[in-house]
Amino acid sequence: MSGFDERKKAQEAKFAHDAQLRFKAESRRNKLLALWVADLVGHTDPDAYVAEVIAADFEEAGDEDVFRKVSADISAAGKNVGEAEIREKMAELLAMAQEQVLAE
């Protein structure tokens, strides 16, 4: 195998590994976010709510589907939490989730 082929294979492996870590971190962030929202709105079954948020993440690529889900649920519960605060919490929890995933 030539040096170029070896570098190409290594780059592909790194890309796949990075994508897997990103997926794990985003999934963990969604779980942490769902638990935060469940506590905030007084959800009686946090585990069921986690499943709802995770399912919402498969509606479209990116974070907007998760944001819309939790934002709508917070509003429906009559809580006054702004868009900026939710997005800030999502960013904070993503950083926490990334640390957790990398520590595993």
PDB file of N, CA and C in Angstrom:
ATOM      1  N   MET A   1       0.855  -1.177   0.000  1.00  0.00           N
ATOM      2  CA  MET A   1       0.000   0.000   0.000  1.00  0.00           C
ATOM      3  C   MET A   1       0.898   1.236   0.000  1.00  0.00           C
ATOM      4  N   SER A   2       0.558   2.181  -0.812  1.00  0.00           N
ATOM      5  CA  SER A   2       1.378   3.384  -0.904  1.00  0.00           C
ATOM      6  C   SER A   2       1.123   4.305   0.284  1.00  0.00           C
ATOM      7  N   GLY A   3       2.006   5.232   0.484  1.00  0.00           N
ATOM      8  CA  GLY A   3       1.857   6.198   1.564  1.00  0.00           C
ATOM      9  C   GLY A   3       0.578   7.004   1.429  1.00  0.00           C
ATOM     10  N   PHE A   4       0.220   7.329   0.194  1.00  0.00           N
ATOM     11  CA  PHE A   4      -1.011   8.083  -0.040  1.00  0.00           C
ATOM     12  C   PHE A   4      -2.226   7.275   0.395  1.00  0.00           C
ATOM     13  N   ASP A   5      -2.255   5.993   0.035  1.00  0.00           N
ATOM     14  CA  ASP A   5      -3.383   5.133   0.413  1.00  0.00           C
ATOM     15  C   ASP A   5      -3.482   4.978   1.922  1.00  0.00           C
ATOM     16  N   GLU A   6      -2.345   4.885   2.574  1.00  0.00           N
ATOM     17  CA  GLU A   6      -2.339   4.765   4.043  1.00  0.00           C
ATOM     18  C   GLU A   6      -2.883   6.034   4.691  1.00  0.00           C
ATOM     19  N   ARG A   7      -2.455   7.203   4.188  1.00  0.00           N
ATOM     20  CA  ARG A   7      -2.959   8.473   4.725  1.00  0.00           C
ATOM     21  C   ARG A   7      -4.457   8.609   4.476  1.00  0.00           C
ATOM     22  N   LYS A   8      -4.891   8.193   3.290  1.00  0.00           N
ATOM     23  CA  LYS A   8      -6.314   8.270   2.956  1.00  0.00           C
ATOM     24  C   LYS A   8      -7.126   7.389   3.900  1.00  0.00           C
ATOM     25  N   LYS A   9      -6.652   6.182   4.127  1.00  0.00           N
ATOM     26  CA  LYS A   9      -7.351   5.255   5.020  1.00  0.00           C
ATOM     27  C   LYS A   9      -7.374   5.805   6.453  1.00  0.00           C
ATOM     28  N   ALA A  10      -6.271   6.395   6.894  1.00  0.00           N
ATOM     29  CA  ALA A  10      -6.206   6.973   8.236  1.00  0.00           C
ATOM     30  C   ALA A  10      -7.171   8.158   8.364  1.00  0.00           C
ATOM     31  N   GLN A  11      -7.254   8.990   7.342  1.00  0.00           N
ATOM     32  CA  GLN A  11      -8.173  10.131   7.360  1.00  0.00           C
ATOM     33  C   GLN A  11      -9.627   9.656   7.402  1.00  0.00           C
ATOM     34  N   GLU A  12      -9.942   8.619   6.650  1.00  0.00           N
ATOM     35  CA  GLU A  12     -11.307   8.073   6.655  1.00  0.00           C
ATOM     36  C   GLU A  12     -11.654   7.510   8.024  1.00  0.00           C
ATOM     37  N   ALA A  13     -10.701   6.828   8.643  1.00  0.00           N
ATOM     38  CA  ALA A  13     -10.933   6.262   9.976  1.00  0.00           C
ATOM     39  C   ALA A  13     -11.134   7.380  11.004  1.00  0.00           C
ATOM     40  N   LYS A  14     -10.334   8.443  10.888  1.00  0.00           N
ATOM     41  CA  LYS A  14     -10.478   9.573  11.812  1.00  0.00           C
ATOM     42  C   LYS A  14     -11.828  10.251  11.620  1.00  0.00           C
ATOM     43  N   PHE A  15     -12.233  10.436  10.377  1.00  0.00           N
ATOM     44  CA  PHE A  15     -13.526  11.058  10.104  1.00  0.00           C
ATOM     45  C   PHE A  15     -14.660  10.230  10.714  1.00  0.00           C
ATOM     46  N   ALA A  16     -14.614   8.916  10.534  1.00  0.00           N
ATOM     47  CA  ALA A  16     -15.650   8.037  11.081  1.00  0.00           C
ATOM     48  C   ALA A  16     -15.651   8.086  12.604  1.00  0.00           C
ATOM     49  N   HIS A  17     -14.473   8.092  13.197  1.00  0.00           N
ATOM     50  CA  HIS A  17     -14.367   8.145  14.660  1.00  0.00           C
ATOM     51  C   HIS A  17     -14.914   9.467  15.189  1.00  0.00           C
ATOM     52  N   ASP A  18     -14.535  10.574  14.551  1.00  0.00           N
ATOM     53  CA  ASP A  18     -15.027  11.893  14.965  1.00  0.00           C
ATOM     54  C   ASP A  18     -16.551  11.987  14.828  1.00  0.00           C
ATOM     55  N   ALA A  19     -17.093  11.424  13.757  1.00  0.00           N
ATOM     56  CA  ALA A  19     -18.547  11.441  13.556  1.00  0.00           C
ATOM     57  C   ALA A  19     -19.250  10.636  14.642  1.00  0.00           C
ATOM     58  N   GLN A  20     -18.662   9.522  15.015  1.00  0.00           N
ATOM     59  CA  GLN A  20     -19.244   8.693  16.066  1.00  0.00           C
ATOM     60  C   GLN A  20     -19.215   9.433  17.407  1.00  0.00           C
ATOM     61  N   LEU A  21     -18.110  10.090  17.724  1.00  0.00           N
ATOM     62  CA  LEU A  21     -18.022  10.859  18.971  1.00  0.00           C
ATOM     63  C   LEU A  21     -19.011  12.019  18.970  1.00  0.00           C
ATOM     64  N   ARG A  22     -19.163  12.686  17.827  1.00  0.00           N
ATOM     65  CA  ARG A  22     -20.107  13.796  17.718  1.00  0.00           C
ATOM     66  C   ARG A  22     -21.538  13.304  17.940  1.00  0.00           C
ATOM     67  N   PHE A  23     -21.879  12.156  17.343  1.00  0.00           N
ATOM     68  CA  PHE A  23     -23.215  11.587  17.525  1.00  0.00           C
ATOM     69  C   PHE A  23     -23.464  11.240  18.995  1.00  0.00           C
ATOM     70  N   LYS A  24     -22.486  10.611  19.637  1.00  0.00           N
ATOM     71  CA  LYS A  24     -22.633  10.250  21.054  1.00  0.00           C
ATOM     72  C   LYS A  24     -22.798  11.495  21.920  1.00  0.00           C
ATOM     73  N   ALA A  25     -22.004  12.522  21.651  1.00  0.00           N
ATOM     74  CA  ALA A  25     -22.086  13.747  22.446  1.00  0.00           C
ATOM     75  C   ALA A  25     -23.433  14.438  22.243  1.00  0.00           C
ATOM     76  N   GLU A  26     -23.917  14.504  21.015  1.00  0.00           N
ATOM     77  CA  GLU A  26     -25.213  15.135  20.765  1.00  0.00           C
ATOM     78  C   GLU A  26     -26.341  14.340  21.400  1.00  0.00           C
ATOM     79  N   SER A  27     -26.256  13.035  21.362  1.00  0.00           N
ATOM     80  CA  SER A  27     -27.268  12.193  22.002  1.00  0.00           C
ATOM     81  C   SER A  27     -27.262  12.393  23.511  1.00  0.00           C
ATOM     82  N   ARG A  28     -26.061  12.450  24.092  1.00  0.00           N
ATOM     83  CA  ARG A  28     -25.951  12.679  25.533  1.00  0.00           C
ATOM     84  C   ARG A  28     -26.474  14.065  25.887  1.00  0.00           C
ATOM     85  N   ARG A  29     -26.155  15.068  25.060  1.00  0.00           N
ATOM     86  CA  ARG A  29     -26.673  16.416  25.296  1.00  0.00           C
ATOM     87  C   ARG A  29     -28.197  16.426  25.289  1.00  0.00           C
ATOM     88  N   ASN A  30     -28.796  15.709  24.332  1.00  0.00           N
ATOM     89  CA  ASN A  30     -30.251  15.658  24.253  1.00  0.00           C
ATOM     90  C   ASN A  30     -30.850  15.034  25.503  1.00  0.00           C
ATOM     91  N   LYS A  31     -30.210  14.011  26.022  1.00  0.00           N
ATOM     92  CA  LYS A  31     -30.696  13.377  27.251  1.00  0.00           C
ATOM     93  C   LYS A  31     -30.592  14.354  28.425  1.00  0.00           C
ATOM     94  N   LEU A  32     -29.454  15.011  28.557  1.00  0.00           N
ATOM     95  CA  LEU A  32     -29.269  15.977  29.642  1.00  0.00           C
ATOM     96  C   LEU A  32     -30.245  17.139  29.513  1.00  0.00           C
ATOM     97  N   LEU A  33     -30.466  17.600  28.293  1.00  0.00           N
ATOM     98  CA  LEU A  33     -31.417  18.685  28.053  1.00  0.00           C
ATOM     99  C   LEU A  33     -32.830  18.254  28.429  1.00  0.00           C
ATOM    100  N   ALA A  34     -33.203  17.055  28.040  1.00  0.00           N
ATOM    101  CA  ALA A  34     -34.538  16.543  28.362  1.00  0.00           C
ATOM    102  C   ALA A  34     -34.729  16.433  29.867  1.00  0.00           C
ATOM    103  N   LEU A  35     -33.702  15.992  30.573  1.00  0.00           N
ATOM    104  CA  LEU A  35     -33.797  15.900  32.034  1.00  0.00           C
ATOM    105  C   LEU A  35     -33.930  17.284  32.663  1.00  0.00           C
ATOM    106  N   TRP A  36     -33.220  18.265  32.118  1.00  0.00           N
ATOM    107  CA  TRP A  36     -33.320  19.640  32.604  1.00  0.00           C
ATOM    108  C   TRP A  36     -34.735  20.183  32.397  1.00  0.00           C
ATOM    109  N   VAL A  37     -35.275  19.975  31.187  1.00  0.00           N
ATOM    110  CA  VAL A  37     -36.621  20.461  30.882  1.00  0.00           C
ATOM    111  C   VAL A  37     -37.661  19.719  31.727  1.00  0.00           C
ATOM    112  N   ALA A  38     -37.499  18.418  31.865  1.00  0.00           N
ATOM    113  CA  ALA A  38     -38.448  17.629  32.671  1.00  0.00           C
ATOM    114  C   ALA A  38     -38.499  18.158  34.099  1.00  0.00           C
ATOM    115  N   ASP A  39     -37.343  18.491  34.648  1.00  0.00           N
ATOM    116  CA  ASP A  39     -37.288  19.047  36.003  1.00  0.00           C
ATOM    117  C   ASP A  39     -37.913  20.443  36.037  1.00  0.00           C
ATOM    118  N   LEU A  40     -37.624  21.239  35.032  1.00  0.00           N
ATOM    119  CA  LEU A  40     -38.131  22.606  34.953  1.00  0.00           C
ATOM    120  C   LEU A  40     -39.656  22.652  34.896  1.00  0.00           C
ATOM    121  N   VAL A  41     -40.243  21.759  34.104  1.00  0.00           N
ATOM    122  CA  VAL A  41     -41.703  21.795  33.921  1.00  0.00           C
ATOM    123  C   VAL A  41     -42.440  20.842  34.855  1.00  0.00           C
ATOM    124  N   GLY A  42     -41.690  20.077  35.650  1.00  0.00           N
ATOM    125  CA  GLY A  42     -42.325  19.154  36.594  1.00  0.00           C
ATOM    126  C   GLY A  42     -42.902  17.924  35.926  1.00  0.00           C
ATOM    127  N   HIS A  43     -42.216  17.436  34.904  1.00  0.00           N
ATOM    128  CA  HIS A  43     -42.676  16.233  34.189  1.00  0.00           C
ATOM    129  C   HIS A  43     -42.670  15.049  35.151  1.00  0.00           C
ATOM    130  N   THR A  44     -43.744  14.281  35.161  1.00  0.00           N
ATOM    131  CA  THR A  44     -43.870  13.176  36.117  1.00  0.00           C
ATOM    132  C   THR A  44     -43.066  11.950  35.722  1.00  0.00           C
ATOM    133  N   ASP A  45     -42.722  11.814  34.439  1.00  0.00           N
ATOM    134  CA  ASP A  45     -41.938  10.667  33.974  1.00  0.00           C
ATOM    135  C   ASP A  45     -40.776  11.162  33.116  1.00  0.00           C
ATOM    136  N   PRO A  46     -39.665  11.537  33.768  1.00  0.00           N
ATOM    137  CA  PRO A  46     -38.526  12.081  33.021  1.00  0.00           C
ATOM    138  C   PRO A  46     -37.974  11.126  31.967  1.00  0.00           C
ATOM    139  N   ASP A  47     -37.976   9.836  32.241  1.00  0.00           N
ATOM    140  CA  ASP A  47     -37.448   8.875  31.265  1.00  0.00           C
ATOM    141  C   ASP A  47     -38.275   8.870  29.980  1.00  0.00           C
ATOM    142  N   ALA A  48     -39.583   8.964  30.124  1.00  0.00           N
ATOM    143  CA  ALA A  48     -40.453   9.017  28.950  1.00  0.00           C
ATOM    144  C   ALA A  48     -40.197  10.311  28.174  1.00  0.00           C
ATOM    145  N   TYR A  49     -39.958  11.394  28.894  1.00  0.00           N
ATOM    146  CA  TYR A  49     -39.689  12.661  28.217  1.00  0.00           C
ATOM    147  C   TYR A  49     -38.357  12.617  27.479  1.00  0.00           C
ATOM    148  N   VAL A  50     -37.365  11.970  28.069  1.00  0.00           N
ATOM    149  CA  VAL A  50     -36.074  11.794  27.387  1.00  0.00           C
ATOM    150  C   VAL A  50     -36.298  11.085  26.050  1.00  0.00           C
ATOM    151  N   ALA A  51     -37.119  10.037  26.063  1.00  0.00           N
ATOM    152  CA  ALA A  51     -37.414   9.297  24.828  1.00  0.00           C
ATOM    153  C   ALA A  51     -38.100  10.196  23.801  1.00  0.00           C
ATOM    154  N   GLU A  52     -38.992  11.082  24.241  1.00  0.00           N
ATOM    155  CA  GLU A  52     -39.671  12.006  23.328  1.00  0.00           C
ATOM    156  C   GLU A  52     -38.675  12.963  22.677  1.00  0.00           C
ATOM    157  N   VAL A  53     -37.758  13.498  23.472  1.00  0.00           N
ATOM    158  CA  VAL A  53     -36.773  14.450  22.937  1.00  0.00           C
ATOM    159  C   VAL A  53     -35.830  13.740  21.971  1.00  0.00           C
ATOM    160  N   ILE A  54     -35.416  12.545  22.318  1.00  0.00           N
ATOM    161  CA  ILE A  54     -34.532  11.779  21.427  1.00  0.00           C
ATOM    162  C   ILE A  54     -35.245  11.489  20.109  1.00  0.00           C
ATOM    163  N   ALA A  55     -36.518  11.133  20.181  1.00  0.00           N
ATOM    164  CA  ALA A  55     -37.291  10.871  18.963  1.00  0.00           C
ATOM    165  C   ALA A  55     -37.423  12.141  18.118  1.00  0.00           C
ATOM    166  N   ALA A  56     -37.585  13.283  18.777  1.00  0.00           N
ATOM    167  CA  ALA A  56     -37.711  14.546  18.058  1.00  0.00           C
ATOM    168  C   ALA A  56     -36.442  14.876  17.285  1.00  0.00           C
ATOM    169  N   ASP A  57     -35.299  14.395  17.775  1.00  0.00           N
ATOM    170  CA  ASP A  57     -34.026  14.698  17.119  1.00  0.00           C
ATOM    171  C   ASP A  57     -33.913  14.044  15.750  1.00  0.00           C
ATOM    172  N   PHE A  58     -34.727  13.052  15.469  1.00  0.00           N
ATOM    173  CA  PHE A  58     -34.655  12.353  14.187  1.00  0.00           C
ATOM    174  C   PHE A  58     -35.562  12.963  13.122  1.00  0.00           C
ATOM    175  N   GLU A  59     -36.231  14.073  13.459  1.00  0.00           N
ATOM    176  CA  GLU A  59     -37.121  14.715  12.489  1.00  0.00           C
ATOM    177  C   GLU A  59     -36.356  15.379  11.355  1.00  0.00           C
ATOM    178  N   GLU A  60     -35.222  15.986  11.660  1.00  0.00           N
ATOM    179  CA  GLU A  60     -34.417  16.664  10.646  1.00  0.00           C
ATOM    180  C   GLU A  60     -32.985  16.773  11.143  1.00  0.00           C
ATOM    181  N   ALA A  61     -32.088  17.074  10.234  1.00  0.00           N
ATOM    182  CA  ALA A  61     -30.689  17.239  10.609  1.00  0.00           C
ATOM    183  C   ALA A  61     -30.516  18.507  11.428  1.00  0.00           C
ATOM    184  N   GLY A  62     -29.574  18.500  12.327  1.00  0.00           N
ATOM    185  CA  GLY A  62     -29.289  19.679  13.140  1.00  0.00           C
ATOM    186  C   GLY A  62     -30.030  19.666  14.459  1.00  0.00           C
ATOM    187  N   ASP A  63     -29.945  20.788  15.148  1.00  0.00           N
ATOM    188  CA  ASP A  63     -30.501  20.906  16.497  1.00  0.00           C
ATOM    189  C   ASP A  63     -31.863  21.572  16.560  1.00  0.00           C
ATOM    190  N   GLU A  64     -32.334  22.122  15.450  1.00  0.00           N
ATOM    191  CA  GLU A  64     -33.570  22.902  15.485  1.00  0.00           C
ATOM    192  C   GLU A  64     -34.783  22.070  15.887  1.00  0.00           C
ATOM    193  N   ASP A  65     -34.820  20.800  15.494  1.00  0.00           N
ATOM    194  CA  ASP A  65     -35.961  19.967  15.872  1.00  0.00           C
ATOM    195  C   ASP A  65     -36.006  19.768  17.381  1.00  0.00           C
ATOM    196  N   VAL A  66     -34.860  19.576  17.997  1.00  0.00           N
ATOM    197  CA  VAL A  66     -34.796  19.423  19.460  1.00  0.00           C
ATOM    198  C   VAL A  66     -35.164  20.741  20.124  1.00  0.00           C
ATOM    199  N   PHE A  67     -34.616  21.840  19.610  1.00  0.00           N
ATOM    200  CA  PHE A  67     -34.938  23.152  20.176  1.00  0.00           C
ATOM    201  C   PHE A  67     -36.440  23.422  20.133  1.00  0.00           C
ATOM    202  N   ARG A  68     -37.059  23.181  18.975  1.00  0.00           N
ATOM    203  CA  ARG A  68     -38.508  23.416  18.847  1.00  0.00           C
ATOM    204  C   ARG A  68     -39.293  22.566  19.839  1.00  0.00           C
ATOM    205  N   LYS A  69     -38.904  21.310  20.001  1.00  0.00           N
ATOM    206  CA  LYS A  69     -39.610  20.405  20.911  1.00  0.00           C
ATOM    207  C   LYS A  69     -39.556  20.930  22.340  1.00  0.00           C
ATOM    208  N   VAL A  70     -38.355  21.190  22.838  1.00  0.00           N
ATOM    209  CA  VAL A  70     -38.249  21.604  24.236  1.00  0.00           C
ATOM    210  C   VAL A  70     -38.817  23.002  24.446  1.00  0.00           C
ATOM    211  N   SER A  71     -38.646  23.885  23.472  1.00  0.00           N
ATOM    212  CA  SER A  71     -39.191  25.231  23.581  1.00  0.00           C
ATOM    213  C   SER A  71     -40.720  25.187  23.665  1.00  0.00           C
ATOM    214  N   ALA A  72     -41.336  24.380  22.818  1.00  0.00           N
ATOM    215  CA  ALA A  72     -42.797  24.253  22.834  1.00  0.00           C
ATOM    216  C   ALA A  72     -43.282  23.651  24.149  1.00  0.00           C
ATOM    217  N   ASP A  73     -42.553  22.673  24.662  1.00  0.00           N
ATOM    218  CA  ASP A  73     -42.959  22.034  25.920  1.00  0.00           C
ATOM    219  C   ASP A  73     -42.806  22.986  27.106  1.00  0.00           C
ATOM    220  N   ILE A  74     -41.752  23.789  27.082  1.00  0.00           N
ATOM    221  CA  ILE A  74     -41.559  24.776  28.151  1.00  0.00           C
ATOM    222  C   ILE A  74     -42.672  25.812  28.099  1.00  0.00           C
ATOM    223  N   SER A  75     -42.997  26.285  26.907  1.00  0.00           N
ATOM    224  CA  SER A  75     -44.077  27.266  26.753  1.00  0.00           C
ATOM    225  C   SER A  75     -45.419  26.687  27.166  1.00  0.00           C
ATOM    226  N   ALA A  76     -45.669  25.430  26.773  1.00  0.00           N
ATOM    227  CA  ALA A  76     -46.942  24.782  27.118  1.00  0.00           C
ATOM    228  C   ALA A  76     -47.100  24.634  28.625  1.00  0.00           C
ATOM    229  N   ALA A  77     -45.991  24.519  29.327  1.00  0.00           N
ATOM    230  CA  ALA A  77     -46.032  24.394  30.784  1.00  0.00           C
ATOM    231  C   ALA A  77     -46.155  25.755  31.465  1.00  0.00           C
ATOM    232  N   GLY A  78     -46.155  26.816  30.666  1.00  0.00           N
ATOM    233  CA  GLY A  78     -46.317  28.155  31.219  1.00  0.00           C
ATOM    234  C   GLY A  78     -45.046  28.723  31.831  1.00  0.00           C
ATOM    235  N   LYS A  79     -43.915  28.155  31.488  1.00  0.00           N
ATOM    236  CA  LYS A  79     -42.646  28.650  32.017  1.00  0.00           C
ATOM    237  C   LYS A  79     -42.102  29.736  31.094  1.00  0.00           C
ATOM    238  N   ASN A  80     -41.498  30.729  31.674  1.00  0.00           N
ATOM    239  CA  ASN A  80     -40.968  31.852  30.919  1.00  0.00           C
ATOM    240  C   ASN A  80     -39.457  31.681  30.750  1.00  0.00           C
ATOM    241  N   VAL A  81     -39.077  30.894  29.759  1.00  0.00           N
ATOM    242  CA  VAL A  81     -37.668  30.678  29.444  1.00  0.00           C
ATOM    243  C   VAL A  81     -37.478  31.095  27.994  1.00  0.00           C
ATOM    244  N   GLY A  82     -36.587  32.031  27.774  1.00  0.00           N
ATOM    245  CA  GLY A  82     -36.388  32.580  26.440  1.00  0.00           C
ATOM    246  C   GLY A  82     -35.548  31.690  25.537  1.00  0.00           C
ATOM    247  N   GLU A  83     -35.597  32.010  24.251  1.00  0.00           N
ATOM    248  CA  GLU A  83     -34.843  31.260  23.246  1.00  0.00           C
ATOM    249  C   GLU A  83     -33.358  31.273  23.557  1.00  0.00           C
ATOM    250  N   ALA A  84     -32.834  32.438  23.937  1.00  0.00           N
ATOM    251  CA  ALA A  84     -31.395  32.553  24.215  1.00  0.00           C
ATOM    252  C   ALA A  84     -30.986  31.655  25.375  1.00  0.00           C
ATOM    253  N   GLU A  85     -31.814  31.591  26.395  1.00  0.00           N
ATOM    254  CA  GLU A  85     -31.490  30.749  27.553  1.00  0.00           C
ATOM    255  C   GLU A  85     -31.494  29.266  27.189  1.00  0.00           C
ATOM    256  N   ILE A  86     -32.449  28.860  26.369  1.00  0.00           N
ATOM    257  CA  ILE A  86     -32.507  27.455  25.941  1.00  0.00           C
ATOM    258  C   ILE A  86     -31.288  27.126  25.090  1.00  0.00           C
ATOM    259  N   ARG A  87     -30.963  27.994  24.159  1.00  0.00           N
ATOM    260  CA  ARG A  87     -29.802  27.743  23.290  1.00  0.00           C
ATOM    261  C   ARG A  87     -28.497  27.749  24.094  1.00  0.00           C
ATOM    262  N   GLU A  88     -28.414  28.623  25.073  1.00  0.00           N
ATOM    263  CA  GLU A  88     -27.231  28.664  25.945  1.00  0.00           C
ATOM    264  C   GLU A  88     -27.117  27.360  26.734  1.00  0.00           C
ATOM    265  N   LYS A  89     -28.242  26.874  27.229  1.00  0.00           N
ATOM    266  CA  LYS A  89     -28.245  25.615  27.981  1.00  0.00           C
ATOM    267  C   LYS A  89     -27.856  24.458  27.063  1.00  0.00           C
ATOM    268  N   MET A  90     -28.336  24.467  25.829  1.00  0.00           N
ATOM    269  CA  MET A  90     -27.970  23.420  24.872  1.00  0.00           C
ATOM    270  C   MET A  90     -26.463  23.419  24.621  1.00  0.00           C
ATOM    271  N   ALA A  91     -25.875  24.602  24.473  1.00  0.00           N
ATOM    272  CA  ALA A  91     -24.433  24.708  24.240  1.00  0.00           C
ATOM    273  C   ALA A  91     -23.654  24.242  25.470  1.00  0.00           C
ATOM    274  N   GLU A  92     -24.107  24.649  26.641  1.00  0.00           N
ATOM    275  CA  GLU A  92     -23.462  24.245  27.892  1.00  0.00           C
ATOM    276  C   GLU A  92     -23.509  22.724  28.059  1.00  0.00           C
ATOM    277  N   LEU A  93     -24.666  22.144  27.794  1.00  0.00           N
ATOM    278  CA  LEU A  93     -24.815  20.689  27.957  1.00  0.00           C
ATOM    279  C   LEU A  93     -24.053  19.923  26.884  1.00  0.00           C
ATOM    280  N   LEU A  94     -23.912  20.494  25.680  1.00  0.00           N
ATOM    281  CA  LEU A  94     -23.115  19.841  24.649  1.00  0.00           C
ATOM    282  C   LEU A  94     -21.649  19.779  25.073  1.00  0.00           C
ATOM    283  N   ALA A  95     -21.142  20.873  25.626  1.00  0.00           N
ATOM    284  CA  ALA A  95     -19.755  20.876  26.107  1.00  0.00           C
ATOM    285  C   ALA A  95     -19.568  19.839  27.215  1.00  0.00           C
ATOM    286  N   MET A  96     -20.537  19.761  28.116  1.00  0.00           N
ATOM    287  CA  MET A  96     -20.479  18.780  29.197  1.00  0.00           C
ATOM    288  C   MET A  96     -20.522  17.362  28.619  1.00  0.00           C
ATOM    289  N   ALA A  97     -21.393  17.142  27.671  1.00  0.00           N
ATOM    290  CA  ALA A  97     -21.534  15.814  27.060  1.00  0.00           C
ATOM    291  C   ALA A  97     -20.269  15.406  26.317  1.00  0.00           C
ATOM    292  N   GLN A  98     -19.647  16.360  25.627  1.00  0.00           N
ATOM    293  CA  GLN A  98     -18.405  16.067  24.913  1.00  0.00           C
ATOM    294  C   GLN A  98     -17.312  15.639  25.887  1.00  0.00           C
ATOM    295  N   GLU A  99     -17.219  16.337  27.003  1.00  0.00           N
ATOM    296  CA  GLU A  99     -16.230  15.965  28.029  1.00  0.00           C
ATOM    297  C   GLU A  99     -16.501  14.555  28.543  1.00  0.00           C
ATOM    298  N   GLN A 100     -17.758  14.251  28.803  1.00  0.00           N
ATOM    299  CA  GLN A 100     -18.130  12.930  29.322  1.00  0.00           C
ATOM    300  C   GLN A 100     -17.789  11.842  28.316  1.00  0.00           C
ATOM    301  N   VAL A 101     -18.116  12.073  27.062  1.00  0.00           N
ATOM    302  CA  VAL A 101     -17.857  11.075  26.011  1.00  0.00           C
ATOM    303  C   VAL A 101     -16.360  10.846  25.841  1.00  0.00           C
ATOM    304  N   LEU A 102     -15.590  11.918  25.852  1.00  0.00           N
ATOM    305  CA  LEU A 102     -14.141  11.783  25.696  1.00  0.00           C
ATOM    306  C   LEU A 102     -13.493  11.096  26.906  1.00  0.00           C
ATOM    307  N   ALA A 103     -14.114  11.228  28.078  1.00  0.00           N
ATOM    308  CA  ALA A 103     -13.572  10.616  29.278  1.00  0.00           C
ATOM    309  C   ALA A 103     -13.864   9.118  29.356  1.00  0.00           C
ATOM    310  N   GLU A 104     -14.774   8.642  28.545  1.00  0.00           N
ATOM    311  CA  GLU A 104     -15.148   7.215  28.587  1.00  0.00           C
ATOM    312  C   GLU A 104     -14.093   6.340  27.954  1.00  0.00           C
TER     313      GLU A 104
END
